[in-house]
C-alpha cells in the first residue's frame, strides 16, 4: 500500500489543527507531490520533478480525489515513456 506523507510547512502550533496542504509519495526513485499553491486557491496540484511535471492542476479540492488523479496521471506518463523507450530500442 502506498503511504502519502504530510510534508506541509506549518506555523508554530498549527500541525494537527489545520488540514495538510502538501503530501508526498515516493515510489522507487520517483517523487510525487500533491500540493496547494496560493495562485490556485483550494485546488490541488501535482508536481513530480523526476517526470518534469510542475504544478499540474488536478482540478479538484478533494484530497482523496487528488491522490487518485495524480497516480493515474503518473501511470499514464510512465506508460507513455515506456512506449517511447521501446521504440527507441527497436531503432538501435
PDB file of N, CA and C in Angstrom:
ATOM      1  N   UNK A   1       0.837  -1.183   0.000  1.00  0.00           N
ATOM      2  CA  UNK A   1       0.000   0.000   0.000  1.00  0.00           C
ATOM      3  C   UNK A   1       0.886   1.252   0.000  1.00  0.00           C
ATOM      4  N   UNK A   2       0.476   2.229  -0.748  1.00  0.00           N
ATOM      5  CA  UNK A   2       1.234   3.467  -0.865  1.00  0.00           C
ATOM      6  C   UNK A   2       0.940   4.372   0.326  1.00  0.00           C
ATOM      7  N   UNK A   3       1.993   4.984   0.848  1.00  0.00           N
ATOM      8  CA  UNK A   3       1.832   5.845   2.019  1.00  0.00           C
ATOM      9  C   UNK A   3       2.218   7.280   1.689  1.00  0.00           C
ATOM     10  N   UNK A   4       1.232   8.138   1.647  1.00  0.00           N
ATOM     11  CA  UNK A   4       1.470   9.556   1.438  1.00  0.00           C
ATOM     12  C   UNK A   4       1.931  10.166   2.755  1.00  0.00           C
ATOM     13  N   UNK A   5       2.938  11.023   2.684  1.00  0.00           N
ATOM     14  CA  UNK A   5       3.467  11.674   3.881  1.00  0.00           C
ATOM     15  C   UNK A   5       3.120  13.151   3.848  1.00  0.00           C
ATOM     16  N   UNK A   6       2.707  13.657   4.988  1.00  0.00           N
ATOM     17  CA  UNK A   6       2.409  15.076   5.128  1.00  0.00           C
ATOM     18  C   UNK A   6       3.733  15.834   5.185  1.00  0.00           C
ATOM     19  N   UNK A   7       3.999  16.618   4.148  1.00  0.00           N
ATOM     20  CA  UNK A   7       5.235  17.400   4.090  1.00  0.00           C
ATOM     21  C   UNK A   7       4.921  18.901   4.097  1.00  0.00           C
ATOM     22  N   UNK A   8       3.785  19.244   4.676  1.00  0.00           N
ATOM     23  CA  UNK A   8       3.363  20.643   4.766  1.00  0.00           C
ATOM     24  C   UNK A   8       4.266  21.412   5.713  1.00  0.00           C
ATOM     25  N   UNK A   9       4.403  22.691   5.447  1.00  0.00           N
ATOM     26  CA  UNK A   9       5.088  23.596   6.371  1.00  0.00           C
ATOM     27  C   UNK A   9       4.018  24.253   7.237  1.00  0.00           C
ATOM     28  N   UNK A  10       4.089  23.994   8.524  1.00  0.00           N
ATOM     29  CA  UNK A  10       3.101  24.552   9.444  1.00  0.00           C
ATOM     30  C   UNK A  10       3.714  25.679  10.261  1.00  0.00           C
ATOM     31  N   UNK A  11       2.891  26.682  10.559  1.00  0.00           N
ATOM     32  CA  UNK A  11       3.334  27.677  11.516  1.00  0.00           C
ATOM     33  C   UNK A  11       3.249  27.052  12.903  1.00  0.00           C
ATOM     34  N   UNK A  12       3.993  27.576  13.816  1.00  0.00           N
ATOM     35  CA  UNK A  12       4.099  27.006  15.160  1.00  0.00           C
ATOM     36  C   UNK A  12       2.719  26.713  15.765  1.00  0.00           C
ATOM     37  N   UNK A  13       2.544  25.472  16.198  1.00  0.00           N
ATOM     38  CA  UNK A  13       1.328  25.075  16.889  1.00  0.00           C
ATOM     39  C   UNK A  13       0.143  24.745  16.002  1.00  0.00           C
ATOM     40  N   UNK A  14       0.300  24.797  14.687  1.00  0.00           N
ATOM     41  CA  UNK A  14      -0.822  24.557  13.782  1.00  0.00           C
ATOM     42  C   UNK A  14      -0.922  23.105  13.310  1.00  0.00           C
ATOM     43  N   UNK A  15       0.170  22.328  13.417  1.00  0.00           N
ATOM     44  CA  UNK A  15       0.135  20.948  12.943  1.00  0.00           C
ATOM     45  C   UNK A  15      -0.930  20.172  13.712  1.00  0.00           C
ATOM     46  N   UNK A  16      -1.766  19.471  12.968  1.00  0.00           N
ATOM     47  CA  UNK A  16      -2.854  18.719  13.566  1.00  0.00           C
ATOM     48  C   UNK A  16      -4.121  19.541  13.735  1.00  0.00           C
ATOM     49  N   UNK A  17      -4.012  20.853  13.591  1.00  0.00           N
ATOM     50  CA  UNK A  17      -5.176  21.728  13.742  1.00  0.00           C
ATOM     51  C   UNK A  17      -5.702  22.215  12.397  1.00  0.00           C
ATOM     52  N   UNK A  18      -4.849  22.180  11.400  1.00  0.00           N
ATOM     53  CA  UNK A  18      -5.257  22.575  10.042  1.00  0.00           C
ATOM     54  C   UNK A  18      -4.951  21.419   9.092  1.00  0.00           C
ATOM     55  N   UNK A  19      -5.698  21.370   8.008  1.00  0.00           N
ATOM     56  CA  UNK A  19      -5.518  20.294   7.031  1.00  0.00           C
ATOM     57  C   UNK A  19      -4.178  20.445   6.312  1.00  0.00           C
ATOM     58  N   UNK A  20      -3.552  19.331   5.948  1.00  0.00           N
ATOM     59  CA  UNK A  20      -2.298  19.393   5.185  1.00  0.00           C
ATOM     60  C   UNK A  20      -2.510  20.091   3.847  1.00  0.00           C
ATOM     61  N   UNK A  21      -1.466  20.725   3.343  1.00  0.00           N
ATOM     62  CA  UNK A  21      -1.541  21.336   2.011  1.00  0.00           C
ATOM     63  C   UNK A  21      -0.414  20.847   1.104  1.00  0.00           C
ATOM     64  N   UNK A  22       0.294  19.813   1.574  1.00  0.00           N
ATOM     65  CA  UNK A  22       1.407  19.264   0.796  1.00  0.00           C
ATOM     66  C   UNK A  22       1.611  17.807   1.211  1.00  0.00           C
ATOM     67  N   UNK A  23       1.371  16.879   0.290  1.00  0.00           N
ATOM     68  CA  UNK A  23       1.548  15.458   0.554  1.00  0.00           C
ATOM     69  C   UNK A  23       2.519  14.880  -0.465  1.00  0.00           C
ATOM     70  N   UNK A  24       3.421  14.047   0.013  1.00  0.00           N
ATOM     71  CA  UNK A  24       4.456  13.493  -0.856  1.00  0.00           C
ATOM     72  C   UNK A  24       4.450  11.976  -0.793  1.00  0.00           C
ATOM     73  N   UNK A  25       4.705  11.373  -1.943  1.00  0.00           N
ATOM     74  CA  UNK A  25       4.788   9.923  -2.071  1.00  0.00           C
ATOM     75  C   UNK A  25       6.052   9.603  -2.847  1.00  0.00           C
ATOM     76  N   UNK A  26       6.801   8.628  -2.361  1.00  0.00           N
ATOM     77  CA  UNK A  26       7.982   8.180  -3.097  1.00  0.00           C
ATOM     78  C   UNK A  26       7.751   6.750  -3.549  1.00  0.00           C
ATOM     79  N   UNK A  27       7.875   6.526  -4.847  1.00  0.00           N
ATOM     80  CA  UNK A  27       7.760   5.198  -5.437  1.00  0.00           C
ATOM     81  C   UNK A  27       9.081   4.930  -6.148  1.00  0.00           C
ATOM     82  N   UNK A  28       9.863   4.019  -5.581  1.00  0.00           N
ATOM     83  CA  UNK A  28      11.234   3.815  -6.038  1.00  0.00           C
ATOM     84  C   UNK A  28      11.954   5.154  -6.021  1.00  0.00           C
ATOM     85  N   UNK A  29      12.450   5.607  -7.154  1.00  0.00           N
ATOM     86  CA  UNK A  29      13.158   6.892  -7.193  1.00  0.00           C
ATOM     87  C   UNK A  29      12.290   8.035  -7.695  1.00  0.00           C
ATOM     88  N   UNK A  30      11.004   7.804  -7.799  1.00  0.00           N
ATOM     89  CA  UNK A  30      10.098   8.838  -8.314  1.00  0.00           C
ATOM     90  C   UNK A  30       9.383   9.505  -7.145  1.00  0.00           C
ATOM     91  N   UNK A  31       9.549  10.826  -7.062  1.00  0.00           N
ATOM     92  CA  UNK A  31       8.878  11.606  -6.033  1.00  0.00           C
ATOM     93  C   UNK A  31       7.630  12.244  -6.635  1.00  0.00           C
ATOM     94  N   UNK A  32       6.522  12.057  -5.950  1.00  0.00           N
ATOM     95  CA  UNK A  32       5.225  12.577  -6.388  1.00  0.00           C
ATOM     96  C   UNK A  32       4.715  13.474  -5.272  1.00  0.00           C
ATOM     97  N   UNK A  33       4.334  14.692  -5.617  1.00  0.00           N
ATOM     98  CA  UNK A  33       3.836  15.611  -4.605  1.00  0.00           C
ATOM     99  C   UNK A  33       2.524  16.220  -5.074  1.00  0.00           C
ATOM    100  N   UNK A  34       1.508  16.142  -4.220  1.00  0.00           N
ATOM    101  CA  UNK A  34       0.288  16.905  -4.467  1.00  0.00           C
ATOM    102  C   UNK A  34       0.312  18.031  -3.442  1.00  0.00           C
ATOM    103  N   UNK A  35      -0.051  19.204  -3.898  1.00  0.00           N
ATOM    104  CA  UNK A  35       0.087  20.379  -3.046  1.00  0.00           C
ATOM    105  C   UNK A  35      -0.849  21.480  -3.495  1.00  0.00           C
ATOM    106  N   UNK A  36      -0.966  22.463  -2.654  1.00  0.00           N
ATOM    107  CA  UNK A  36      -1.744  23.656  -2.992  1.00  0.00           C
ATOM    108  C   UNK A  36      -0.780  24.805  -3.246  1.00  0.00           C
ATOM    109  N   UNK A  37      -1.276  25.807  -3.966  1.00  0.00           N
ATOM    110  CA  UNK A  37      -0.466  26.984  -4.280  1.00  0.00           C
ATOM    111  C   UNK A  37      -1.385  28.197  -4.209  1.00  0.00           C
ATOM    112  N   UNK A  38      -0.865  29.274  -3.699  1.00  0.00           N
ATOM    113  CA  UNK A  38      -1.671  30.474  -3.493  1.00  0.00           C
ATOM    114  C   UNK A  38      -2.403  30.935  -4.760  1.00  0.00           C
ATOM    115  N   UNK A  39      -1.797  30.747  -5.909  1.00  0.00           N
ATOM    116  CA  UNK A  39      -2.406  31.188  -7.169  1.00  0.00           C
ATOM    117  C   UNK A  39      -3.572  30.299  -7.624  1.00  0.00           C
ATOM    118  N   UNK A  40      -3.720  29.121  -7.014  1.00  0.00           N
ATOM    119  CA  UNK A  40      -4.747  28.169  -7.428  1.00  0.00           C
ATOM    120  C   UNK A  40      -5.831  27.976  -6.366  1.00  0.00           C
ATOM    121  N   UNK A  41      -5.829  28.764  -5.326  1.00  0.00           N
ATOM    122  CA  UNK A  41      -6.854  28.660  -4.290  1.00  0.00           C
ATOM    123  C   UNK A  41      -6.815  27.307  -3.595  1.00  0.00           C
ATOM    124  N   UNK A  42      -7.957  26.642  -3.530  1.00  0.00           N
ATOM    125  CA  UNK A  42      -8.068  25.356  -2.838  1.00  0.00           C
ATOM    126  C   UNK A  42      -7.817  24.156  -3.759  1.00  0.00           C
ATOM    127  N   UNK A  43      -7.526  24.403  -5.030  1.00  0.00           N
ATOM    128  CA  UNK A  43      -7.263  23.313  -5.977  1.00  0.00           C
ATOM    129  C   UNK A  43      -5.961  22.600  -5.629  1.00  0.00           C
ATOM    130  N   UNK A  44      -5.947  21.297  -5.825  1.00  0.00           N
ATOM    131  CA  UNK A  44      -4.730  20.501  -5.637  1.00  0.00           C
ATOM    132  C   UNK A  44      -3.945  20.459  -6.934  1.00  0.00           C
ATOM    133  N   UNK A  45      -2.626  20.513  -6.821  1.00  0.00           N
ATOM    134  CA  UNK A  45      -1.717  20.468  -7.959  1.00  0.00           C
ATOM    135  C   UNK A  45      -0.820  19.245  -7.827  1.00  0.00           C
ATOM    136  N   UNK A  46      -0.252  18.829  -8.939  1.00  0.00           N
ATOM    137  CA  UNK A  46       0.683  17.713  -8.968  1.00  0.00           C
ATOM    138  C   UNK A  46       2.037  18.216  -9.453  1.00  0.00           C
ATOM    139  N   UNK A  47       3.096  17.826  -8.726  1.00  0.00           N
ATOM    140  CA  UNK A  47       4.454  18.106  -9.147  1.00  0.00           C
ATOM    141  C   UNK A  47       5.276  16.837  -8.997  1.00  0.00           C
ATOM    142  N   UNK A  48       6.029  16.507 -10.025  1.00  0.00           N
ATOM    143  CA  UNK A  48       6.984  15.399  -9.973  1.00  0.00           C
ATOM    144  C   UNK A  48       8.185  15.823 -10.805  1.00  0.00           C
ATOM    145  N   UNK A  49       9.238  16.251 -10.130  1.00  0.00           N
ATOM    146  CA  UNK A  49      10.404  16.741 -10.854  1.00  0.00           C
ATOM    147  C   UNK A  49      11.053  15.632 -11.673  1.00  0.00           C
ATOM    148  N   UNK A  50      10.962  14.390 -11.199  1.00  0.00           N
ATOM    149  CA  UNK A  50      11.520  13.266 -11.949  1.00  0.00           C
ATOM    150  C   UNK A  50      10.882  13.134 -13.330  1.00  0.00           C
ATOM    151  N   UNK A  51       9.603  13.468 -13.416  1.00  0.00           N
ATOM    152  CA  UNK A  51       8.868  13.305 -14.668  1.00  0.00           C
ATOM    153  C   UNK A  51       8.583  14.637 -15.359  1.00  0.00           C
ATOM    154  N   UNK A  52       9.248  15.698 -14.902  1.00  0.00           N
ATOM    155  CA  UNK A  52       9.084  17.042 -15.480  1.00  0.00           C
ATOM    156  C   UNK A  52       7.637  17.531 -15.440  1.00  0.00           C
ATOM    157  N   UNK A  53       6.949  17.233 -14.341  1.00  0.00           N
ATOM    158  CA  UNK A  53       5.590  17.726 -14.136  1.00  0.00           C
ATOM    159  C   UNK A  53       5.675  18.809 -13.060  1.00  0.00           C
ATOM    160  N   UNK A  54       5.183  20.003 -13.387  1.00  0.00           N
ATOM    161  CA  UNK A  54       5.276  21.117 -12.449  1.00  0.00           C
ATOM    162  C   UNK A  54       3.931  21.817 -12.320  1.00  0.00           C
ATOM    163  N   UNK A  55       3.359  21.779 -11.141  1.00  0.00           N
ATOM    164  CA  UNK A  55       2.102  22.456 -10.830  1.00  0.00           C
ATOM    165  C   UNK A  55       0.986  22.117 -11.825  1.00  0.00           C
ATOM    166  N   UNK A  56       0.806  20.832 -12.089  1.00  0.00           N
ATOM    167  CA  UNK A  56      -0.286  20.377 -12.954  1.00  0.00           C
ATOM    168  C   UNK A  56      -1.587  20.448 -12.147  1.00  0.00           C
ATOM    169  N   UNK A  57      -2.549  21.195 -12.637  1.00  0.00           N
ATOM    170  CA  UNK A  57      -3.820  21.395 -11.930  1.00  0.00           C
ATOM    171  C   UNK A  57      -4.666  20.125 -12.010  1.00  0.00           C
ATOM    172  N   UNK A  58      -4.916  19.515 -10.857  1.00  0.00           N
ATOM    173  CA  UNK A  58      -5.716  18.287 -10.803  1.00  0.00           C
ATOM    174  C   UNK A  58      -7.218  18.574 -10.817  1.00  0.00           C
ATOM    175  N   UNK A  59      -7.580  19.833 -10.776  1.00  0.00           N
ATOM    176  CA  UNK A  59      -8.962  20.297 -10.880  1.00  0.00           C
ATOM    177  C   UNK A  59      -9.888  19.642  -9.854  1.00  0.00           C
ATOM    178  N   UNK A  60      -9.399  19.592  -8.627  1.00  0.00           N
ATOM    179  CA  UNK A  60     -10.216  19.096  -7.524  1.00  0.00           C
ATOM    180  C   UNK A  60      -9.770  19.754  -6.229  1.00  0.00           C
ATOM    181  N   UNK A  61     -10.722  19.888  -5.315  1.00  0.00           N
ATOM    182  CA  UNK A  61     -10.406  20.400  -3.988  1.00  0.00           C
ATOM    183  C   UNK A  61     -10.410  19.263  -2.958  1.00  0.00           C
ATOM    184  N   UNK A  62     -10.748  18.060  -3.394  1.00  0.00           N
ATOM    185  CA  UNK A  62     -10.806  16.890  -2.513  1.00  0.00           C
ATOM    186  C   UNK A  62      -9.462  16.158  -2.535  1.00  0.00           C
ATOM    187  N   UNK A  63      -8.866  15.975  -1.362  1.00  0.00           N
ATOM    188  CA  UNK A  63      -7.530  15.386  -1.290  1.00  0.00           C
ATOM    189  C   UNK A  63      -7.510  13.938  -1.794  1.00  0.00           C
ATOM    190  N   UNK A  64      -8.523  13.155  -1.486  1.00  0.00           N
ATOM    191  CA  UNK A  64      -8.531  11.754  -1.935  1.00  0.00           C
ATOM    192  C   UNK A  64      -8.669  11.673  -3.451  1.00  0.00           C
ATOM    193  N   UNK A  65      -9.506  12.532  -4.011  1.00  0.00           N
ATOM    194  CA  UNK A  65      -9.645  12.608  -5.462  1.00  0.00           C
ATOM    195  C   UNK A  65      -8.330  13.048  -6.098  1.00  0.00           C
ATOM    196  N   UNK A  66      -7.652  13.988  -5.464  1.00  0.00           N
ATOM    197  CA  UNK A  66      -6.361  14.479  -5.964  1.00  0.00           C
ATOM    198  C   UNK A  66      -5.332  13.347  -5.987  1.00  0.00           C
ATOM    199  N   UNK A  67      -5.298  12.535  -4.946  1.00  0.00           N
ATOM    200  CA  UNK A  67      -4.370  11.403  -4.903  1.00  0.00           C
ATOM    201  C   UNK A  67      -4.632  10.446  -6.058  1.00  0.00           C
ATOM    202  N   UNK A  68      -5.911  10.102  -6.275  1.00  0.00           N
ATOM    203  CA  UNK A  68      -6.251   9.169  -7.358  1.00  0.00           C
ATOM    204  C   UNK A  68      -5.903   9.753  -8.722  1.00  0.00           C
ATOM    205  N   UNK A  69      -6.249  11.014  -8.941  1.00  0.00           N
ATOM    206  CA  UNK A  69      -5.946  11.659 -10.222  1.00  0.00           C
ATOM    207  C   UNK A  69      -4.446  11.751 -10.458  1.00  0.00           C
ATOM    208  N   UNK A  70      -3.707  12.066  -9.405  1.00  0.00           N
ATOM    209  CA  UNK A  70      -2.253  12.181  -9.524  1.00  0.00           C
ATOM    210  C   UNK A  70      -1.645  10.839  -9.925  1.00  0.00           C
ATOM    211  N   UNK A  71      -2.051   9.772  -9.259  1.00  0.00           N
ATOM    212  CA  UNK A  71      -1.497   8.452  -9.570  1.00  0.00           C
ATOM    213  C   UNK A  71      -1.864   8.005 -10.978  1.00  0.00           C
ATOM    214  N   UNK A  72      -3.070   8.322 -11.403  1.00  0.00           N
ATOM    215  CA  UNK A  72      -3.486   7.980 -12.772  1.00  0.00           C
ATOM    216  C   UNK A  72      -2.618   8.715 -13.793  1.00  0.00           C
ATOM    217  N   UNK A  73      -2.383  10.005 -13.549  1.00  0.00           N
ATOM    218  CA  UNK A  73      -1.546  10.786 -14.466  1.00  0.00           C
ATOM    219  C   UNK A  73      -0.112  10.268 -14.471  1.00  0.00           C
ATOM    220  N   UNK A  74       0.417   9.912 -13.308  1.00  0.00           N
ATOM    221  CA  UNK A  74       1.774   9.374 -13.219  1.00  0.00           C
ATOM    222  C   UNK A  74       1.865   8.062 -14.001  1.00  0.00           C
ATOM    223  N   UNK A  75       0.890   7.179 -13.821  1.00  0.00           N
ATOM    224  CA  UNK A  75       0.887   5.901 -14.562  1.00  0.00           C
ATOM    225  C   UNK A  75       0.857   6.140 -16.060  1.00  0.00           C
ATOM    226  N   UNK A  76      -0.011   7.048 -16.500  1.00  0.00           N
ATOM    227  CA  UNK A  76      -0.099   7.347 -17.938  1.00  0.00           C
ATOM    228  C   UNK A  76       1.211   7.916 -18.466  1.00  0.00           C
ATOM    229  N   UNK A  77       1.830   8.791 -17.699  1.00  0.00           N
ATOM    230  CA  UNK A  77       3.105   9.382 -18.108  1.00  0.00           C
ATOM    231  C   UNK A  77       4.188   8.315 -18.208  1.00  0.00           C
ATOM    232  N   UNK A  78       4.254   7.441 -17.211  1.00  0.00           N
ATOM    233  CA  UNK A  78       5.255   6.360 -17.224  1.00  0.00           C
ATOM    234  C   UNK A  78       5.016   5.406 -18.397  1.00  0.00           C
ATOM    235  N   UNK A  79       3.764   5.031 -18.640  1.00  0.00           N
ATOM    236  CA  UNK A  79       3.464   4.134 -19.760  1.00  0.00           C
ATOM    237  C   UNK A  79       3.833   4.765 -21.097  1.00  0.00           C
ATOM    238  N   UNK A  80       3.580   6.059 -21.246  1.00  0.00           N
ATOM    239  CA  UNK A  80       3.949   6.754 -22.485  1.00  0.00           C
ATOM    240  C   UNK A  80       5.463   6.736 -22.675  1.00  0.00           C
ATOM    241  N   UNK A  81       6.196   6.972 -21.605  1.00  0.00           N
ATOM    242  CA  UNK A  81       7.663   6.951 -21.703  1.00  0.00           C
ATOM    243  C   UNK A  81       8.180   5.558 -22.023  1.00  0.00           C
ATOM    244  N   UNK A  82       7.588   4.557 -21.420  1.00  0.00           N
ATOM    245  CA  UNK A  82       7.997   3.172 -21.700  1.00  0.00           C
ATOM    246  C   UNK A  82       7.841   2.876 -23.180  1.00  0.00           C
ATOM    247  N   UNK A  83       6.707   3.275 -23.752  1.00  0.00           N
ATOM    248  CA  UNK A  83       6.478   3.050 -25.181  1.00  0.00           C
ATOM    249  C   UNK A  83       7.503   3.801 -26.023  1.00  0.00           C
ATOM    250  N   UNK A  84       7.816   5.033 -25.643  1.00  0.00           N
ATOM    251  CA  UNK A  84       8.820   5.805 -26.377  1.00  0.00           C
ATOM    252  C   UNK A  84      10.189   5.129 -26.297  1.00  0.00           C
ATOM    253  N   UNK A  85      10.536   4.614 -25.123  1.00  0.00           N
ATOM    254  CA  UNK A  85      11.825   3.931 -24.954  1.00  0.00           C
ATOM    255  C   UNK A  85      11.864   2.634 -25.753  1.00  0.00           C
ATOM    256  N   UNK A  86      10.749   1.908 -25.779  1.00  0.00           N
ATOM    257  CA  UNK A  86      10.694   0.667 -26.566  1.00  0.00           C
ATOM    258  C   UNK A  86      10.938   0.954 -28.043  1.00  0.00           C
ATOM    259  N   UNK A  87      10.308   2.014 -28.550  1.00  0.00           N
ATOM    260  CA  UNK A  87      10.503   2.379 -29.940  1.00  0.00           C
ATOM    261  C   UNK A  87      11.951   2.763 -30.212  1.00  0.00           C
ATOM    262  N   UNK A  88      12.547   3.486 -29.279  1.00  0.00           N
ATOM    263  CA  UNK A  88      13.943   3.887 -29.451  1.00  0.00           C
ATOM    264  C   UNK A  88      14.860   2.655 -29.454  1.00  0.00           C
ATOM    265  N   UNK A  89      14.593   1.703 -28.586  1.00  0.00           N
ATOM    266  CA  UNK A  89      15.387   0.475 -28.520  1.00  0.00           C
ATOM    267  C   UNK A  89      15.288  -0.298 -29.824  1.00  0.00           C
ATOM    268  N   UNK A  90      14.086  -0.341 -30.396  1.00  0.00           N
ATOM    269  CA  UNK A  90      13.902  -1.052 -31.665  1.00  0.00           C
ATOM    270  C   UNK A  90      14.703  -0.414 -32.791  1.00  0.00           C
ATOM    271  N   UNK A  91      14.931   0.864 -32.717  1.00  0.00           N
ATOM    272  CA  UNK A  91      15.646   1.575 -33.773  1.00  0.00           C
ATOM    273  C   UNK A  91      17.156   1.484 -33.625  1.00  0.00           C
ATOM    274  N   UNK A  92      17.606   1.018 -32.487  1.00  0.00           N
ATOM    275  CA  UNK A  92      19.051   0.933 -32.264  1.00  0.00           C
ATOM    276  C   UNK A  92      19.592  -0.352 -32.886  1.00  0.00           C
TER     277      UNK A  92
END
